[in-house]
Amino acid sequence: MPTSIRLPEDIERRLDLLARQTGRTKAYYIREIILEKIDEIEEYYLAADVVTRVRKGEEATFSAEDVRKELDLED
Protein backbone atom coordinates (compact mmCIF):
# COMPACT_ATOMS: atom_id res chain seq x y z
CA MET A 1 0.00 0.00 0.00
CA PRO A 2 1.53 3.36 -1.00
CA THR A 3 2.22 5.78 1.83
CA SER A 4 3.20 9.42 1.56
CA ILE A 5 5.33 11.33 4.03
CA ARG A 6 6.69 14.85 4.20
CA LEU A 7 10.32 15.12 5.19
CA PRO A 8 12.25 18.14 6.39
CA GLU A 9 14.19 19.76 3.54
CA ASP A 10 17.58 18.79 4.96
CA ILE A 11 16.63 15.11 5.13
CA GLU A 12 15.16 15.28 1.64
CA ARG A 13 18.43 16.74 0.34
CA ARG A 14 20.47 14.06 2.08
CA LEU A 15 18.30 11.31 0.60
CA ASP A 16 18.53 12.90 -2.86
CA LEU A 17 22.32 13.04 -2.65
CA LEU A 18 22.59 9.47 -1.34
CA ALA A 19 20.30 8.17 -4.08
CA ARG A 20 22.21 9.99 -6.82
CA GLN A 21 25.60 8.88 -5.56
CA THR A 22 24.62 5.23 -5.17
CA GLY A 23 22.20 4.77 -8.06
CA ARG A 24 19.43 3.59 -5.77
CA THR A 25 16.06 5.23 -5.19
CA LYS A 26 15.06 7.35 -2.23
CA ALA A 27 12.25 4.84 -1.65
CA TYR A 28 14.87 2.11 -1.26
CA TYR A 29 16.62 4.01 1.53
CA ILE A 30 13.40 5.01 3.24
CA ARG A 31 12.37 1.34 3.32
CA GLU A 32 15.81 0.36 4.67
CA ILE A 33 15.62 2.96 7.43
CA ILE A 34 12.12 1.86 8.45
CA LEU A 35 12.99 -1.84 8.42
CA GLU A 36 16.08 -1.19 10.51
CA LYS A 37 14.26 0.80 13.20
CA ILE A 38 10.71 -0.58 13.35
CA ASP A 39 11.56 -3.39 15.80
CA GLU A 40 13.12 -0.90 18.21
CA ILE A 41 10.20 1.51 17.93
CA GLU A 42 7.60 -1.25 18.39
CA GLU A 43 9.43 -2.57 21.43
CA TYR A 44 9.59 0.88 23.01
CA TYR A 45 5.96 1.84 22.47
CA LEU A 46 4.53 -1.57 23.34
CA ALA A 47 6.59 -1.65 26.54
CA ALA A 48 5.45 1.87 27.40
CA ASP A 49 1.85 0.70 26.97
CA VAL A 50 2.41 -2.20 29.37
CA VAL A 51 3.98 0.15 31.94
CA THR A 52 0.94 2.41 31.70
CA ARG A 53 -1.41 -0.55 32.25
CA VAL A 54 0.66 -1.77 35.22
CA ARG A 55 0.55 1.68 36.81
CA LYS A 56 -3.22 1.79 36.34
CA GLY A 57 -3.56 -1.66 37.89
CA GLU A 58 -4.87 -3.10 34.61
CA GLU A 59 -1.97 -5.54 34.13
CA ALA A 60 -1.15 -8.41 36.46
CA THR A 61 2.30 -8.45 38.01
CA PHE A 62 4.09 -11.17 39.93
CA SER A 63 7.00 -11.04 42.33
CA ALA A 64 10.18 -12.91 41.48
CA GLU A 65 9.59 -15.07 44.54
CA ASP A 66 6.11 -16.07 43.32
CA VAL A 67 7.44 -16.88 39.85
CA ARG A 68 10.24 -19.05 41.28
CA LYS A 69 7.71 -20.93 43.40
CA GLU A 70 5.31 -21.39 40.49
CA LEU A 71 8.12 -22.72 38.28
CA ASP A 72 9.51 -24.85 41.12
CA LEU A 73 12.84 -23.04 41.00
CA GLU A 74 13.26 -22.73 44.76
CA ASP A 75 16.63 -23.83 46.18
PDB file of N, CA and C in Angstrom:
ATOM      1  N   MET A   1       0.843  -1.165   0.000  1.00  0.00           N
ATOM      2  CA  MET A   1       0.000   0.000   0.000  1.00  0.00           C
ATOM      3  C   MET A   1       0.893   1.234   0.000  1.00  0.00           C
ATOM      4  N   PRO A   2       0.718   2.138  -0.941  1.00  0.00           N
ATOM      5  CA  PRO A   2       1.525   3.358  -0.995  1.00  0.00           C
ATOM      6  C   PRO A   2       1.247   4.257   0.210  1.00  0.00           C
ATOM      7  N   THR A   3       2.313   4.864   0.704  1.00  0.00           N
ATOM      8  CA  THR A   3       2.222   5.784   1.828  1.00  0.00           C
ATOM      9  C   THR A   3       3.027   7.022   1.486  1.00  0.00           C
ATOM     10  N   SER A   4       2.491   8.168   1.818  1.00  0.00           N
ATOM     11  CA  SER A   4       3.199   9.423   1.559  1.00  0.00           C
ATOM     12  C   SER A   4       3.645  10.038   2.871  1.00  0.00           C
ATOM     13  N   ILE A   5       4.837  10.610   2.864  1.00  0.00           N
ATOM     14  CA  ILE A   5       5.326  11.334   4.031  1.00  0.00           C
ATOM     15  C   ILE A   5       5.986  12.627   3.583  1.00  0.00           C
ATOM     16  N   ARG A   6       5.968  13.606   4.443  1.00  0.00           N
ATOM     17  CA  ARG A   6       6.692  14.846   4.200  1.00  0.00           C
ATOM     18  C   ARG A   6       7.931  14.834   5.073  1.00  0.00           C
ATOM     19  N   LEU A   7       9.062  15.110   4.462  1.00  0.00           N
ATOM     20  CA  LEU A   7      10.321  15.125   5.187  1.00  0.00           C
ATOM     21  C   LEU A   7      10.852  16.549   5.277  1.00  0.00           C
ATOM     22  N   PRO A   8      11.594  16.841   6.332  1.00  0.00           N
ATOM     23  CA  PRO A   8      12.251  18.145   6.391  1.00  0.00           C
ATOM     24  C   PRO A   8      13.200  18.294   5.190  1.00  0.00           C
ATOM     25  N   GLU A   9      13.381  19.516   4.740  1.00  0.00           N
ATOM     26  CA  GLU A   9      14.192  19.763   3.540  1.00  0.00           C
ATOM     27  C   GLU A   9      15.591  19.192   3.651  1.00  0.00           C
ATOM     28  N   ASP A  10      16.215  19.290   4.827  1.00  0.00           N
ATOM     29  CA  ASP A  10      17.582  18.789   4.964  1.00  0.00           C
ATOM     30  C   ASP A  10      17.645  17.271   4.792  1.00  0.00           C
ATOM     31  N   ILE A  11      16.666  16.567   5.293  1.00  0.00           N
ATOM     32  CA  ILE A  11      16.630  15.108   5.132  1.00  0.00           C
ATOM     33  C   ILE A  11      16.362  14.753   3.679  1.00  0.00           C
ATOM     34  N   GLU A  12      15.463  15.493   3.060  1.00  0.00           N
ATOM     35  CA  GLU A  12      15.163  15.277   1.636  1.00  0.00           C
ATOM     36  C   GLU A  12      16.427  15.458   0.793  1.00  0.00           C
ATOM     37  N   ARG A  13      17.187  16.500   1.083  1.00  0.00           N
ATOM     38  CA  ARG A  13      18.434  16.743   0.339  1.00  0.00           C
ATOM     39  C   ARG A  13      19.432  15.605   0.556  1.00  0.00           C
ATOM     40  N   ARG A  14      19.537  15.153   1.790  1.00  0.00           N
ATOM     41  CA  ARG A  14      20.466  14.061   2.079  1.00  0.00           C
ATOM     42  C   ARG A  14      20.062  12.791   1.338  1.00  0.00           C
ATOM     43  N   LEU A  15      18.778  12.492   1.330  1.00  0.00           N
ATOM     44  CA  LEU A  15      18.299  11.312   0.597  1.00  0.00           C
ATOM     45  C   LEU A  15      18.541  11.457  -0.894  1.00  0.00           C
ATOM     46  N   ASP A  16      18.280  12.658  -1.437  1.00  0.00           N
ATOM     47  CA  ASP A  16      18.534  12.900  -2.862  1.00  0.00           C
ATOM     48  C   ASP A  16      19.995  12.640  -3.205  1.00  0.00           C
ATOM     49  N   LEU A  17      20.888  13.193  -2.403  1.00  0.00           N
ATOM     50  CA  LEU A  17      22.317  13.035  -2.649  1.00  0.00           C
ATOM     51  C   LEU A  17      22.728  11.569  -2.553  1.00  0.00           C
ATOM     52  N   LEU A  18      22.273  10.887  -1.508  1.00  0.00           N
ATOM     53  CA  LEU A  18      22.594   9.473  -1.336  1.00  0.00           C
ATOM     54  C   LEU A  18      22.094   8.655  -2.518  1.00  0.00           C
ATOM     55  N   ALA A  19      20.872   8.905  -2.945  1.00  0.00           N
ATOM     56  CA  ALA A  19      20.297   8.167  -4.081  1.00  0.00           C
ATOM     57  C   ALA A  19      21.095   8.421  -5.361  1.00  0.00           C
ATOM     58  N   ARG A  20      21.436   9.671  -5.613  1.00  0.00           N
ATOM     59  CA  ARG A  20      22.214   9.994  -6.820  1.00  0.00           C
ATOM     60  C   ARG A  20      23.593   9.334  -6.788  1.00  0.00           C
ATOM     61  N   GLN A  21      24.243   9.404  -5.656  1.00  0.00           N
ATOM     62  CA  GLN A  21      25.600   8.875  -5.560  1.00  0.00           C
ATOM     63  C   GLN A  21      25.663   7.357  -5.609  1.00  0.00           C
ATOM     64  N   THR A  22      24.592   6.694  -5.231  1.00  0.00           N
ATOM     65  CA  THR A  22      24.616   5.227  -5.174  1.00  0.00           C
ATOM     66  C   THR A  22      23.817   4.560  -6.282  1.00  0.00           C
ATOM     67  N   GLY A  23      23.012   5.346  -7.001  1.00  0.00           N
ATOM     68  CA  GLY A  23      22.203   4.765  -8.064  1.00  0.00           C
ATOM     69  C   GLY A  23      20.974   4.030  -7.568  1.00  0.00           C
ATOM     70  N   ARG A  24      20.651   4.198  -6.314  1.00  0.00           N
ATOM     71  CA  ARG A  24      19.435   3.592  -5.770  1.00  0.00           C
ATOM     72  C   ARG A  24      18.379   4.677  -5.637  1.00  0.00           C
ATOM     73  N   THR A  25      17.146   4.249  -5.342  1.00  0.00           N
ATOM     74  CA  THR A  25      16.064   5.228  -5.193  1.00  0.00           C
ATOM     75  C   THR A  25      15.958   5.704  -3.746  1.00  0.00           C
ATOM     76  N   LYS A  26      15.341   6.865  -3.579  1.00  0.00           N
ATOM     77  CA  LYS A  26      15.062   7.350  -2.226  1.00  0.00           C
ATOM     78  C   LYS A  26      14.140   6.365  -1.510  1.00  0.00           C
ATOM     79  N   ALA A  27      13.181   5.802  -2.236  1.00  0.00           N
ATOM     80  CA  ALA A  27      12.251   4.835  -1.646  1.00  0.00           C
ATOM     81  C   ALA A  27      13.012   3.641  -1.062  1.00  0.00           C
ATOM     82  N   TYR A  28      14.063   3.216  -1.752  1.00  0.00           N
ATOM     83  CA  TYR A  28      14.874   2.109  -1.259  1.00  0.00           C
ATOM     84  C   TYR A  28      15.433   2.445   0.123  1.00  0.00           C
ATOM     85  N   TYR A  29      16.014   3.624   0.258  1.00  0.00           N
ATOM     86  CA  TYR A  29      16.623   4.007   1.532  1.00  0.00           C
ATOM     87  C   TYR A  29      15.588   4.255   2.621  1.00  0.00           C
ATOM     88  N   ILE A  30      14.468   4.808   2.257  1.00  0.00           N
ATOM     89  CA  ILE A  30      13.403   5.011   3.238  1.00  0.00           C
ATOM     90  C   ILE A  30      12.932   3.664   3.775  1.00  0.00           C
ATOM     91  N   ARG A  31      12.749   2.686   2.884  1.00  0.00           N
ATOM     92  CA  ARG A  31      12.372   1.336   3.324  1.00  0.00           C
ATOM     93  C   ARG A  31      13.439   0.742   4.241  1.00  0.00           C
ATOM     94  N   GLU A  32      14.711   0.886   3.860  1.00  0.00           N
ATOM     95  CA  GLU A  32      15.806   0.356   4.669  1.00  0.00           C
ATOM     96  C   GLU A  32      15.811   0.967   6.071  1.00  0.00           C
ATOM     97  N   ILE A  33      15.625   2.271   6.141  1.00  0.00           N
ATOM     98  CA  ILE A  33      15.615   2.960   7.427  1.00  0.00           C
ATOM     99  C   ILE A  33      14.465   2.455   8.285  1.00  0.00           C
ATOM    100  N   ILE A  34      13.290   2.331   7.697  1.00  0.00           N
ATOM    101  CA  ILE A  34      12.121   1.860   8.449  1.00  0.00           C
ATOM    102  C   ILE A  34      12.329   0.427   8.921  1.00  0.00           C
ATOM    103  N   LEU A  35      12.789  -0.441   8.043  1.00  0.00           N
ATOM    104  CA  LEU A  35      12.995  -1.839   8.416  1.00  0.00           C
ATOM    105  C   LEU A  35      14.031  -1.974   9.525  1.00  0.00           C
ATOM    106  N   GLU A  36      15.038  -1.121   9.495  1.00  0.00           N
ATOM    107  CA  GLU A  36      16.083  -1.191  10.511  1.00  0.00           C
ATOM    108  C   GLU A  36      15.585  -0.739  11.885  1.00  0.00           C
ATOM    109  N   LYS A  37      14.675   0.206  11.931  1.00  0.00           N
ATOM    110  CA  LYS A  37      14.260   0.800  13.199  1.00  0.00           C
ATOM    111  C   LYS A  37      12.904   0.341  13.727  1.00  0.00           C
ATOM    112  N   ILE A  38      12.084  -0.299  12.913  1.00  0.00           N
ATOM    113  CA  ILE A  38      10.715  -0.581  13.345  1.00  0.00           C
ATOM    114  C   ILE A  38      10.658  -1.510  14.563  1.00  0.00           C
ATOM    115  N   ASP A  39      11.560  -2.493  14.642  1.00  0.00           N
ATOM    116  CA  ASP A  39      11.558  -3.390  15.802  1.00  0.00           C
ATOM    117  C   ASP A  39      11.803  -2.607  17.089  1.00  0.00           C
ATOM    118  N   GLU A  40      12.785  -1.717  17.044  1.00  0.00           N
ATOM    119  CA  GLU A  40      13.123  -0.902  18.213  1.00  0.00           C
ATOM    120  C   GLU A  40      11.959   0.004  18.622  1.00  0.00           C
ATOM    121  N   ILE A  41      11.316   0.606  17.650  1.00  0.00           N
ATOM    122  CA  ILE A  41      10.197   1.513  17.925  1.00  0.00           C
ATOM    123  C   ILE A  41       9.008   0.733  18.482  1.00  0.00           C
ATOM    124  N   GLU A  42       8.696  -0.414  17.881  1.00  0.00           N
ATOM    125  CA  GLU A  42       7.600  -1.249  18.392  1.00  0.00           C
ATOM    126  C   GLU A  42       7.867  -1.659  19.828  1.00  0.00           C
ATOM    127  N   GLU A  43       9.080  -2.123  20.089  1.00  0.00           N
ATOM    128  CA  GLU A  43       9.428  -2.568  21.430  1.00  0.00           C
ATOM    129  C   GLU A  43       9.244  -1.443  22.443  1.00  0.00           C
ATOM    130  N   TYR A  44       9.697  -0.261  22.102  1.00  0.00           N
ATOM    131  CA  TYR A  44       9.590   0.880  23.007  1.00  0.00           C
ATOM    132  C   TYR A  44       8.127   1.223  23.310  1.00  0.00           C
ATOM    133  N   TYR A  45       7.339   1.410  22.258  1.00  0.00           N
ATOM    134  CA  TYR A  45       5.960   1.842  22.470  1.00  0.00           C
ATOM    135  C   TYR A  45       5.077   0.764  23.088  1.00  0.00           C
ATOM    136  N   LEU A  46       5.303  -0.495  22.732  1.00  0.00           N
ATOM    137  CA  LEU A  46       4.528  -1.569  23.337  1.00  0.00           C
ATOM    138  C   LEU A  46       4.892  -1.726  24.807  1.00  0.00           C
ATOM    139  N   ALA A  47       6.175  -1.583  25.139  1.00  0.00           N
ATOM    140  CA  ALA A  47       6.592  -1.651  26.536  1.00  0.00           C
ATOM    141  C   ALA A  47       6.011  -0.477  27.323  1.00  0.00           C
ATOM    142  N   ALA A  48       6.011   0.696  26.728  1.00  0.00           N
ATOM    143  CA  ALA A  48       5.445   1.871  27.404  1.00  0.00           C
ATOM    144  C   ALA A  48       3.959   1.655  27.687  1.00  0.00           C
ATOM    145  N   ASP A  49       3.267   1.003  26.775  1.00  0.00           N
ATOM    146  CA  ASP A  49       1.848   0.704  26.970  1.00  0.00           C
ATOM    147  C   ASP A  49       1.646  -0.250  28.146  1.00  0.00           C
ATOM    148  N   VAL A  50       2.506  -1.254  28.255  1.00  0.00           N
ATOM    149  CA  VAL A  50       2.412  -2.198  29.370  1.00  0.00           C
ATOM    150  C   VAL A  50       2.674  -1.472  30.691  1.00  0.00           C
ATOM    151  N   VAL A  51       3.674  -0.607  30.721  1.00  0.00           N
ATOM    152  CA  VAL A  51       3.978   0.154  31.940  1.00  0.00           C
ATOM    153  C   VAL A  51       2.771   0.988  32.354  1.00  0.00           C
ATOM    154  N   THR A  52       2.132   1.616  31.397  1.00  0.00           N
ATOM    155  CA  THR A  52       0.935   2.408  31.698  1.00  0.00           C
ATOM    156  C   THR A  52      -0.156   1.536  32.301  1.00  0.00           C
ATOM    157  N   ARG A  53      -0.387   0.357  31.722  1.00  0.00           N
ATOM    158  CA  ARG A  53      -1.413  -0.552  32.252  1.00  0.00           C
ATOM    159  C   ARG A  53      -1.052  -1.051  33.647  1.00  0.00           C
ATOM    160  N   VAL A  54       0.226  -1.326  33.882  1.00  0.00           N
ATOM    161  CA  VAL A  54       0.660  -1.772  35.217  1.00  0.00           C
ATOM    162  C   VAL A  54       0.391  -0.668  36.225  1.00  0.00           C
ATOM    163  N   ARG A  55       0.755   0.555  35.879  1.00  0.00           N
ATOM    164  CA  ARG A  55       0.553   1.679  36.806  1.00  0.00           C
ATOM    165  C   ARG A  55      -0.923   1.928  37.101  1.00  0.00           C
ATOM    166  N   LYS A  56      -1.785   1.630  36.146  1.00  0.00           N
ATOM    167  CA  LYS A  56      -3.224   1.795  36.343  1.00  0.00           C
ATOM    168  C   LYS A  56      -3.847   0.586  37.037  1.00  0.00           C
ATOM    169  N   GLY A  57      -3.048  -0.447  37.260  1.00  0.00           N
ATOM    170  CA  GLY A  57      -3.565  -1.657  37.887  1.00  0.00           C
ATOM    171  C   GLY A  57      -4.340  -2.540  36.925  1.00  0.00           C
ATOM    172  N   GLU A  58      -4.148  -2.334  35.636  1.00  0.00           N
ATOM    173  CA  GLU A  58      -4.869  -3.101  34.610  1.00  0.00           C
ATOM    174  C   GLU A  58      -4.077  -4.308  34.112  1.00  0.00           C
ATOM    175  N   GLU A  59      -2.854  -4.460  34.585  1.00  0.00           N
ATOM    176  CA  GLU A  59      -1.974  -5.541  34.126  1.00  0.00           C
ATOM    177  C   GLU A  59      -1.485  -6.294  35.352  1.00  0.00           C
ATOM    178  N   ALA A  60      -1.597  -7.603  35.320  1.00  0.00           N
ATOM    179  CA  ALA A  60      -1.154  -8.413  36.458  1.00  0.00           C
ATOM    180  C   ALA A  60       0.368  -8.390  36.549  1.00  0.00           C
ATOM    181  N   THR A  61       0.859  -8.359  37.773  1.00  0.00           N
ATOM    182  CA  THR A  61       2.296  -8.453  38.009  1.00  0.00           C
ATOM    183  C   THR A  61       2.536  -9.547  39.045  1.00  0.00           C
ATOM    184  N   PHE A  62       3.726 -10.095  39.025  1.00  0.00           N
ATOM    185  CA  PHE A  62       4.086 -11.171  39.925  1.00  0.00           C
ATOM    186  C   PHE A  62       5.474 -10.914  40.475  1.00  0.00           C
ATOM    187  N   SER A  63       5.681 -11.207  41.738  1.00  0.00           N
ATOM    188  CA  SER A  63       7.003 -11.040  42.328  1.00  0.00           C
ATOM    189  C   SER A  63       7.920 -12.148  41.820  1.00  0.00           C
ATOM    190  N   ALA A  64       9.209 -11.896  41.881  1.00  0.00           N
ATOM    191  CA  ALA A  64      10.182 -12.909  41.476  1.00  0.00           C
ATOM    192  C   ALA A  64      10.035 -14.149  42.348  1.00  0.00           C
ATOM    193  N   GLU A  65       9.768 -13.943  43.621  1.00  0.00           N
ATOM    194  CA  GLU A  65       9.587 -15.070  44.540  1.00  0.00           C
ATOM    195  C   GLU A  65       8.409 -15.949  44.108  1.00  0.00           C
ATOM    196  N   ASP A  66       7.277 -15.315  43.770  1.00  0.00           N
ATOM    197  CA  ASP A  66       6.107 -16.074  43.320  1.00  0.00           C
ATOM    198  C   ASP A  66       6.387 -16.835  42.032  1.00  0.00           C
ATOM    199  N   VAL A  67       7.111 -16.230  41.128  1.00  0.00           N
ATOM    200  CA  VAL A  67       7.439 -16.879  39.854  1.00  0.00           C
ATOM    201  C   VAL A  67       8.342 -18.081  40.096  1.00  0.00           C
ATOM    202  N   ARG A  68       9.350 -17.902  40.964  1.00  0.00           N
ATOM    203  CA  ARG A  68      10.236 -19.047  41.284  1.00  0.00           C
ATOM    204  C   ARG A  68       9.452 -20.198  41.897  1.00  0.00           C
ATOM    205  N   LYS A  69       8.528 -19.883  42.785  1.00  0.00           N
ATOM    206  CA  LYS A  69       7.706 -20.925  43.403  1.00  0.00           C
ATOM    207  C   LYS A  69       6.839 -21.625  42.350  1.00  0.00           C
ATOM    208  N   GLU A  70       6.184 -20.827  41.520  1.00  0.00           N
ATOM    209  CA  GLU A  70       5.309 -21.390  40.494  1.00  0.00           C
ATOM    210  C   GLU A  70       6.066 -22.307  39.534  1.00  0.00           C
ATOM    211  N   LEU A  71       7.296 -21.927  39.214  1.00  0.00           N
ATOM    212  CA  LEU A  71       8.118 -22.720  38.284  1.00  0.00           C
ATOM    213  C   LEU A  71       8.982 -23.754  39.005  1.00  0.00           C
ATOM    214  N   ASP A  72       8.765 -23.876  40.306  1.00  0.00           N
ATOM    215  CA  ASP A  72       9.506 -24.847  41.122  1.00  0.00           C
ATOM    216  C   ASP A  72      11.019 -24.628  40.978  1.00  0.00           C
ATOM    217  N   LEU A  73      11.436 -23.380  41.124  1.00  0.00           N
ATOM    218  CA  LEU A  73      12.844 -23.039  41.003  1.00  0.00           C
ATOM    219  C   LEU A  73      13.459 -22.714  42.360  1.00  0.00           C
ATOM    220  N   GLU A  74      12.755 -23.010  43.417  1.00  0.00           N
ATOM    221  CA  GLU A  74      13.260 -22.733  44.757  1.00  0.00           C
ATOM    222  C   GLU A  74      14.465 -23.615  45.065  1.00  0.00           C
ATOM    223  N   ASP A  75      15.436 -23.050  45.774  1.00  0.00           N
ATOM    224  CA  ASP A  75      16.629 -23.833  46.178  1.00  0.00           C
ATOM    225  C   ASP A  75      16.315 -24.692  47.369  1.00  0.00           C
TER     226      ASP A  75
END
